[in-house]
PDB file of N, CA and C in Angstrom:
ATOM      1  N   MET A   1     -60.445 -35.456 171.682  1.00  0.00           N
ATOM      2  CA  MET A   1     -60.660 -36.134 170.193  1.00  0.00           C
ATOM      3  C   MET A   1     -59.689 -37.202 170.058  1.00  0.00           C
ATOM      4  N   ILE A   2     -60.248 -38.137 169.733  1.00  0.00           N
ATOM      5  CA  ILE A   2     -59.334 -39.117 169.125  1.00  0.00           C
ATOM      6  C   ILE A   2     -59.579 -39.656 167.724  1.00  0.00           C
ATOM      7  N   THR A   3     -58.650 -40.032 167.084  1.00  0.00           N
ATOM      8  CA  THR A   3     -58.286 -40.599 165.914  1.00  0.00           C
ATOM      9  C   THR A   3     -58.905 -42.179 165.287  1.00  0.00           C
ATOM     10  N   VAL A   4     -59.802 -42.134 164.530  1.00  0.00           N
ATOM     11  CA  VAL A   4     -60.359 -43.606 164.176  1.00  0.00           C
ATOM     12  C   VAL A   4     -59.925 -43.630 162.547  1.00  0.00           C
ATOM     13  N   ASN A   5     -59.126 -44.765 162.017  1.00  0.00           N
ATOM     14  CA  ASN A   5     -58.827 -44.807 160.913  1.00  0.00           C
ATOM     15  C   ASN A   5     -58.537 -43.424 160.292  1.00  0.00           C
ATOM     16  N   SER A   6     -57.920 -42.578 160.609  1.00  0.00           N
ATOM     17  CA  SER A   6     -57.814 -41.068 160.273  1.00  0.00           C
ATOM     18  C   SER A   6     -59.017 -40.161 159.964  1.00  0.00           C
ATOM     19  N   LYS A   7     -60.044 -40.437 161.166  1.00  0.00           N
ATOM     20  CA  LYS A   7     -61.092 -39.786 161.206  1.00  0.00           C
ATOM     21  C   LYS A   7     -61.225 -39.271 162.485  1.00  0.00           C
ATOM     22  N   GLU A   8     -61.572 -38.002 162.589  1.00  0.00           N
ATOM     23  CA  GLU A   8     -61.841 -37.827 164.213  1.00  0.00           C
ATOM     24  C   GLU A   8     -62.980 -37.927 164.580  1.00  0.00           C
ATOM     25  N   LEU A   9     -62.962 -38.172 166.215  1.00  0.00           N
ATOM     26  CA  LEU A   9     -64.361 -38.684 167.058  1.00  0.00           C
ATOM     27  C   LEU A   9     -64.108 -38.241 168.219  1.00  0.00           C
ATOM     28  N   PRO A  10     -65.302 -37.271 168.546  1.00  0.00           N
ATOM     29  CA  PRO A  10     -65.220 -36.899 169.895  1.00  0.00           C
ATOM     30  C   PRO A  10     -64.814 -37.860 171.212  1.00  0.00           C
ATOM     31  N   TRP A  11     -64.127 -37.535 171.826  1.00  0.00           N
ATOM     32  CA  TRP A  11     -63.612 -38.498 172.973  1.00  0.00           C
ATOM     33  C   TRP A  11     -64.345 -38.519 174.227  1.00  0.00           C
ATOM     34  N   LEU A  12     -64.702 -39.122 174.950  1.00  0.00           N
ATOM     35  CA  LEU A  12     -65.518 -39.250 176.130  1.00  0.00           C
ATOM     36  C   LEU A  12     -64.715 -39.937 177.356  1.00  0.00           C
ATOM     37  N   PRO A  13     -64.912 -39.213 178.220  1.00  0.00           N
ATOM     38  CA  PRO A  13     -64.496 -40.034 179.528  1.00  0.00           C
ATOM     39  C   PRO A  13     -64.546 -41.380 179.721  1.00  0.00           C
ATOM     40  N   GLY A  14     -64.145 -42.498 179.932  1.00  0.00           N
ATOM     41  CA  GLY A  14     -64.459 -43.921 180.029  1.00  0.00           C
ATOM     42  C   GLY A  14     -64.934 -44.491 179.016  1.00  0.00           C
ATOM     43  N   MET A  15     -64.658 -43.935 177.546  1.00  0.00           N
ATOM     44  CA  MET A  15     -64.846 -44.437 176.400  1.00  0.00           C
ATOM     45  C   MET A  15     -64.079 -45.707 176.268  1.00  0.00           C
ATOM     46  N   THR A  16     -64.711 -46.848 175.726  1.00  0.00           N
ATOM     47  CA  THR A  16     -64.108 -48.255 175.465  1.00  0.00           C
ATOM     48  C   THR A  16     -64.106 -48.626 174.002  1.00  0.00           C
ATOM     49  N   VAL A  17     -63.074 -49.622 173.841  1.00  0.00           N
ATOM     50  CA  VAL A  17     -63.103 -49.936 172.301  1.00  0.00           C
ATOM     51  C   VAL A  17     -64.473 -50.243 171.792  1.00  0.00           C
ATOM     52  N   ALA A  18     -65.284 -50.729 172.623  1.00  0.00           N
ATOM     53  CA  ALA A  18     -66.590 -51.268 171.899  1.00  0.00           C
ATOM     54  C   ALA A  18     -67.577 -50.120 171.693  1.00  0.00           C
ATOM     55  N   ASP A  19     -67.334 -48.811 172.573  1.00  0.00           N
ATOM     56  CA  ASP A  19     -68.045 -47.668 172.306  1.00  0.00           C
ATOM     57  C   ASP A  19     -67.295 -46.939 171.308  1.00  0.00           C
ATOM     58  N   VAL A  20     -65.901 -47.144 170.837  1.00  0.00           N
ATOM     59  CA  VAL A  20     -65.619 -46.334 169.653  1.00  0.00           C
ATOM     60  C   VAL A  20     -66.262 -47.306 168.347  1.00  0.00           C
ATOM     61  N   LEU A  21     -66.095 -48.637 168.667  1.00  0.00           N
ATOM     62  CA  LEU A  21     -66.706 -49.151 167.402  1.00  0.00           C
ATOM     63  C   LEU A  21     -68.196 -48.718 166.982  1.00  0.00           C
ATOM     64  N   LYS A  22     -69.086 -48.771 168.162  1.00  0.00           N
ATOM     65  CA  LYS A  22     -70.505 -48.498 168.204  1.00  0.00           C
ATOM     66  C   LYS A  22     -70.377 -47.028 167.439  1.00  0.00           C
ATOM     67  N   ALA A  23     -69.728 -45.966 167.916  1.00  0.00           N
ATOM     68  CA  ALA A  23     -69.636 -44.666 167.748  1.00  0.00           C
ATOM     69  C   ALA A  23     -69.463 -44.773 165.901  1.00  0.00           C
ATOM     70  N   MET A  24     -68.710 -45.430 165.443  1.00  0.00           N
ATOM     71  CA  MET A  24     -68.056 -45.546 164.008  1.00  0.00           C
ATOM     72  C   MET A  24     -69.079 -46.446 163.324  1.00  0.00           C
ATOM     73  N   ASN A  25     -70.178 -46.972 163.807  1.00  0.00           N
ATOM     74  CA  ASN A  25     -70.984 -47.803 163.183  1.00  0.00           C
ATOM     75  C   ASN A  25     -70.100 -48.994 162.366  1.00  0.00           C
ATOM     76  N   TYR A  26     -68.881 -49.460 163.325  1.00  0.00           N
ATOM     77  CA  TYR A  26     -68.383 -50.801 162.886  1.00  0.00           C
ATOM     78  C   TYR A  26     -69.007 -51.902 163.380  1.00  0.00           C
ATOM     79  N   SER A  27     -69.720 -52.720 163.051  1.00  0.00           N
ATOM     80  CA  SER A  27     -70.608 -53.795 163.410  1.00  0.00           C
ATOM     81  C   SER A  27     -70.176 -54.909 162.906  1.00  0.00           C
ATOM     82  N   TYR A  28     -69.289 -54.908 161.928  1.00  0.00           N
ATOM     83  CA  TYR A  28     -68.623 -56.646 161.309  1.00  0.00           C
ATOM     84  C   TYR A  28     -68.071 -57.386 162.224  1.00  0.00           C
ATOM     85  N   ALA A  29     -68.420 -58.572 162.100  1.00  0.00           N
ATOM     86  CA  ALA A  29     -67.597 -59.339 163.399  1.00  0.00           C
ATOM     87  C   ALA A  29     -66.395 -59.985 163.557  1.00  0.00           C
ATOM     88  N   LEU A  30     -66.056 -59.861 162.498  1.00  0.00           N
ATOM     89  CA  LEU A  30     -64.312 -59.979 162.293  1.00  0.00           C
ATOM     90  C   LEU A  30     -63.772 -58.871 162.004  1.00  0.00           C
ATOM     91  N   ILE A  31     -63.369 -57.915 163.016  1.00  0.00           N
ATOM     92  CA  ILE A  31     -62.895 -56.687 163.360  1.00  0.00           C
ATOM     93  C   ILE A  31     -61.248 -56.788 164.249  1.00  0.00           C
ATOM     94  N   ALA A  32     -60.380 -56.492 163.800  1.00  0.00           N
ATOM     95  CA  ALA A  32     -58.942 -56.157 164.594  1.00  0.00           C
ATOM     96  C   ALA A  32     -59.157 -54.621 165.142  1.00  0.00           C
ATOM     97  N   VAL A  33     -58.577 -54.510 166.218  1.00  0.00           N
ATOM     98  CA  VAL A  33     -58.301 -53.096 166.643  1.00  0.00           C
ATOM     99  C   VAL A  33     -56.979 -53.214 167.414  1.00  0.00           C
ATOM    100  N   SER A  34     -56.517 -52.066 167.162  1.00  0.00           N
ATOM    101  CA  SER A  34     -55.257 -51.160 167.942  1.00  0.00           C
ATOM    102  C   SER A  34     -55.530 -49.954 168.334  1.00  0.00           C
ATOM    103  N   VAL A  35     -54.986 -49.939 169.582  1.00  0.00           N
ATOM    104  CA  VAL A  35     -54.854 -48.296 170.085  1.00  0.00           C
ATOM    105  C   VAL A  35     -53.556 -47.968 170.381  1.00  0.00           C
ATOM    106  N   ASN A  36     -52.924 -47.022 169.609  1.00  0.00           N
ATOM    107  CA  ASN A  36     -51.546 -46.304 169.969  1.00  0.00           C
ATOM    108  C   ASN A  36     -50.792 -47.373 169.702  1.00  0.00           C
ATOM    109  N   ASP A  37     -51.132 -48.341 168.542  1.00  0.00           N
ATOM    110  CA  ASP A  37     -50.292 -49.594 167.773  1.00  0.00           C
ATOM    111  C   ASP A  37     -49.887 -50.642 168.688  1.00  0.00           C
ATOM    112  N   GLN A  38     -51.190 -50.690 170.015  1.00  0.00           N
ATOM    113  CA  GLN A  38     -51.085 -51.939 170.713  1.00  0.00           C
ATOM    114  C   GLN A  38     -52.409 -52.549 170.077  1.00  0.00           C
ATOM    115  N   PHE A  39     -52.347 -53.878 169.953  1.00  0.00           N
ATOM    116  CA  PHE A  39     -53.523 -54.666 169.526  1.00  0.00           C
ATOM    117  C   PHE A  39     -54.142 -55.003 170.757  1.00  0.00           C
ATOM    118  N   ILE A  40     -55.518 -54.853 170.748  1.00  0.00           N
ATOM    119  CA  ILE A  40     -56.472 -55.064 171.907  1.00  0.00           C
ATOM    120  C   ILE A  40     -57.284 -56.451 171.568  1.00  0.00           C
ATOM    121  N   ALA A  41     -57.150 -57.160 172.678  1.00  0.00           N
ATOM    122  CA  ALA A  41     -58.013 -58.842 172.274  1.00  0.00           C
ATOM    123  C   ALA A  41     -59.553 -58.425 172.132  1.00  0.00           C
ATOM    124  N   ARG A  42     -60.183 -59.189 171.604  1.00  0.00           N
ATOM    125  CA  ARG A  42     -61.361 -58.962 171.355  1.00  0.00           C
ATOM    126  C   ARG A  42     -62.193 -58.872 172.683  1.00  0.00           C
ATOM    127  N   ASP A  43     -61.596 -59.967 173.674  1.00  0.00           N
ATOM    128  CA  ASP A  43     -62.679 -60.056 174.826  1.00  0.00           C
ATOM    129  C   ASP A  43     -62.262 -58.799 175.851  1.00  0.00           C
ATOM    130  N   ASP A  44     -61.488 -57.857 175.392  1.00  0.00           N
ATOM    131  CA  ASP A  44     -61.252 -56.624 176.113  1.00  0.00           C
ATOM    132  C   ASP A  44     -62.084 -55.539 175.450  1.00  0.00           C
ATOM    133  N   TYR A  45     -62.566 -55.603 174.335  1.00  0.00           N
ATOM    134  CA  TYR A  45     -63.233 -54.345 173.903  1.00  0.00           C
ATOM    135  C   TYR A  45     -64.169 -53.608 174.775  1.00  0.00           C
ATOM    136  N   ASP A  46     -64.876 -54.455 175.492  1.00  0.00           N
ATOM    137  CA  ASP A  46     -65.735 -54.001 176.407  1.00  0.00           C
ATOM    138  C   ASP A  46     -65.318 -53.197 177.757  1.00  0.00           C
ATOM    139  N   THR A  47     -63.954 -53.066 177.963  1.00  0.00           N
ATOM    140  CA  THR A  47     -63.364 -52.977 179.329  1.00  0.00           C
ATOM    141  C   THR A  47     -62.223 -52.087 178.837  1.00  0.00           C
ATOM    142  N   PHE A  48     -61.507 -52.085 177.847  1.00  0.00           N
ATOM    143  CA  PHE A  48     -60.272 -51.130 177.495  1.00  0.00           C
ATOM    144  C   PHE A  48     -60.578 -50.159 177.418  1.00  0.00           C
ATOM    145  N   VAL A  49     -60.140 -49.067 178.199  1.00  0.00           N
ATOM    146  CA  VAL A  49     -60.612 -47.349 177.834  1.00  0.00           C
ATOM    147  C   VAL A  49     -59.468 -46.810 177.023  1.00  0.00           C
ATOM    148  N   VAL A  50     -60.188 -46.196 175.960  1.00  0.00           N
ATOM    149  CA  VAL A  50     -59.527 -45.421 175.224  1.00  0.00           C
ATOM    150  C   VAL A  50     -59.217 -43.963 175.794  1.00  0.00           C
ATOM    151  N   GLU A  51     -58.076 -43.686 175.515  1.00  0.00           N
ATOM    152  CA  GLU A  51     -57.372 -42.254 176.464  1.00  0.00           C
ATOM    153  C   GLU A  51     -57.796 -41.084 175.329  1.00  0.00           C
ATOM    154  N   ASP A  52     -57.966 -40.069 175.673  1.00  0.00           N
ATOM    155  CA  ASP A  52     -57.991 -38.817 174.995  1.00  0.00           C
ATOM    156  C   ASP A  52     -56.657 -38.717 174.126  1.00  0.00           C
ATOM    157  N   GLU A  53     -56.979 -38.447 172.965  1.00  0.00           N
ATOM    158  CA  GLU A  53     -55.843 -38.106 171.750  1.00  0.00           C
ATOM    159  C   GLU A  53     -55.304 -39.333 171.367  1.00  0.00           C
ATOM    160  N   ALA A  54     -56.014 -40.740 171.614  1.00  0.00           N
ATOM    161  CA  ALA A  54     -55.387 -41.795 170.920  1.00  0.00           C
ATOM    162  C   ALA A  54     -55.523 -42.294 169.329  1.00  0.00           C
ATOM    163  N   ASP A  55     -55.131 -43.047 168.951  1.00  0.00           N
ATOM    164  CA  ASP A  55     -54.984 -43.298 167.500  1.00  0.00           C
ATOM    165  C   ASP A  55     -55.282 -44.767 167.367  1.00  0.00           C
ATOM    166  N   VAL A  56     -56.488 -44.855 167.083  1.00  0.00           N
ATOM    167  CA  VAL A  56     -57.391 -46.143 166.963  1.00  0.00           C
ATOM    168  C   VAL A  56     -57.473 -46.672 165.432  1.00  0.00           C
ATOM    169  N   LYS A  57     -57.090 -47.784 165.380  1.00  0.00           N
ATOM    170  CA  LYS A  57     -57.077 -48.369 164.030  1.00  0.00           C
ATOM    171  C   LYS A  57     -58.249 -49.793 163.923  1.00  0.00           C
ATOM    172  N   ALA A  58     -58.836 -49.533 163.026  1.00  0.00           N
ATOM    173  CA  ALA A  58     -59.902 -50.854 163.110  1.00  0.00           C
ATOM    174  C   ALA A  58     -59.854 -51.556 162.015  1.00  0.00           C
ATOM    175  N   LEU A  59     -59.782 -52.971 161.610  1.00  0.00           N
ATOM    176  CA  LEU A  59     -59.507 -53.343 160.376  1.00  0.00           C
ATOM    177  C   LEU A  59     -60.342 -54.802 160.396  1.00  0.00           C
ATOM    178  N   HIS A  60     -60.994 -54.254 159.248  1.00  0.00           N
ATOM    179  CA  HIS A  60     -62.092 -55.512 159.029  1.00  0.00           C
ATOM    180  C   HIS A  60     -61.066 -56.733 158.240  1.00  0.00           C
ATOM    181  N   ILE A  61     -61.097 -57.893 159.058  1.00  0.00           N
ATOM    182  CA  ILE A  61     -60.784 -59.234 158.223  1.00  0.00           C
ATOM    183  C   ILE A  61     -61.589 -59.632 157.505  1.00  0.00           C
ATOM    184  N   CYS A  62     -60.855 -59.910 156.440  1.00  0.00           N
ATOM    185  CA  CYS A  62     -61.205 -61.055 155.109  1.00  0.00           C
ATOM    186  C   CYS A  62     -60.765 -62.314 155.212  1.00  0.00           C
ATOM    187  N   HIS A  63     -61.976 -63.440 154.935  1.00  0.00           N
ATOM    188  CA  HIS A  63     -61.124 -64.609 154.869  1.00  0.00           C
ATOM    189  C   HIS A  63     -62.117 -65.232 153.491  1.00  0.00           C
ATOM    190  N   GLY A  64     -61.289 -66.254 152.966  1.00  0.00           N
ATOM    191  CA  GLY A  64     -62.033 -66.709 152.218  1.00  0.00           C
ATOM    192  C   GLY A  64     -60.958 -68.171 151.632  1.00  0.00           C
ATOM    193  N   GLY A  65     -61.454 -68.953 150.541  1.00  0.00           N
ATOM    194  CA  GLY A  65     -60.996 -70.044 150.228  1.00  0.00           C
ATOM    195  C   GLY A  65     -60.589 -70.106 148.783  1.00  0.00           C
TER     196      GLY A  65
END
């Protein structure tokens, strides 16, 4: 089991950040992700493997003027 923004999500072996975002239905283009307080670069979402019991935070970035 992993935690995503304080919600539990079943963990699967080999699960990547991209898999987590898809499972949570997070599709917003501007999103920042940390795993166990480590920032994950957007280029690594498809390859960074999330370990069991990880704490994932996904933040939607807002911008404007």
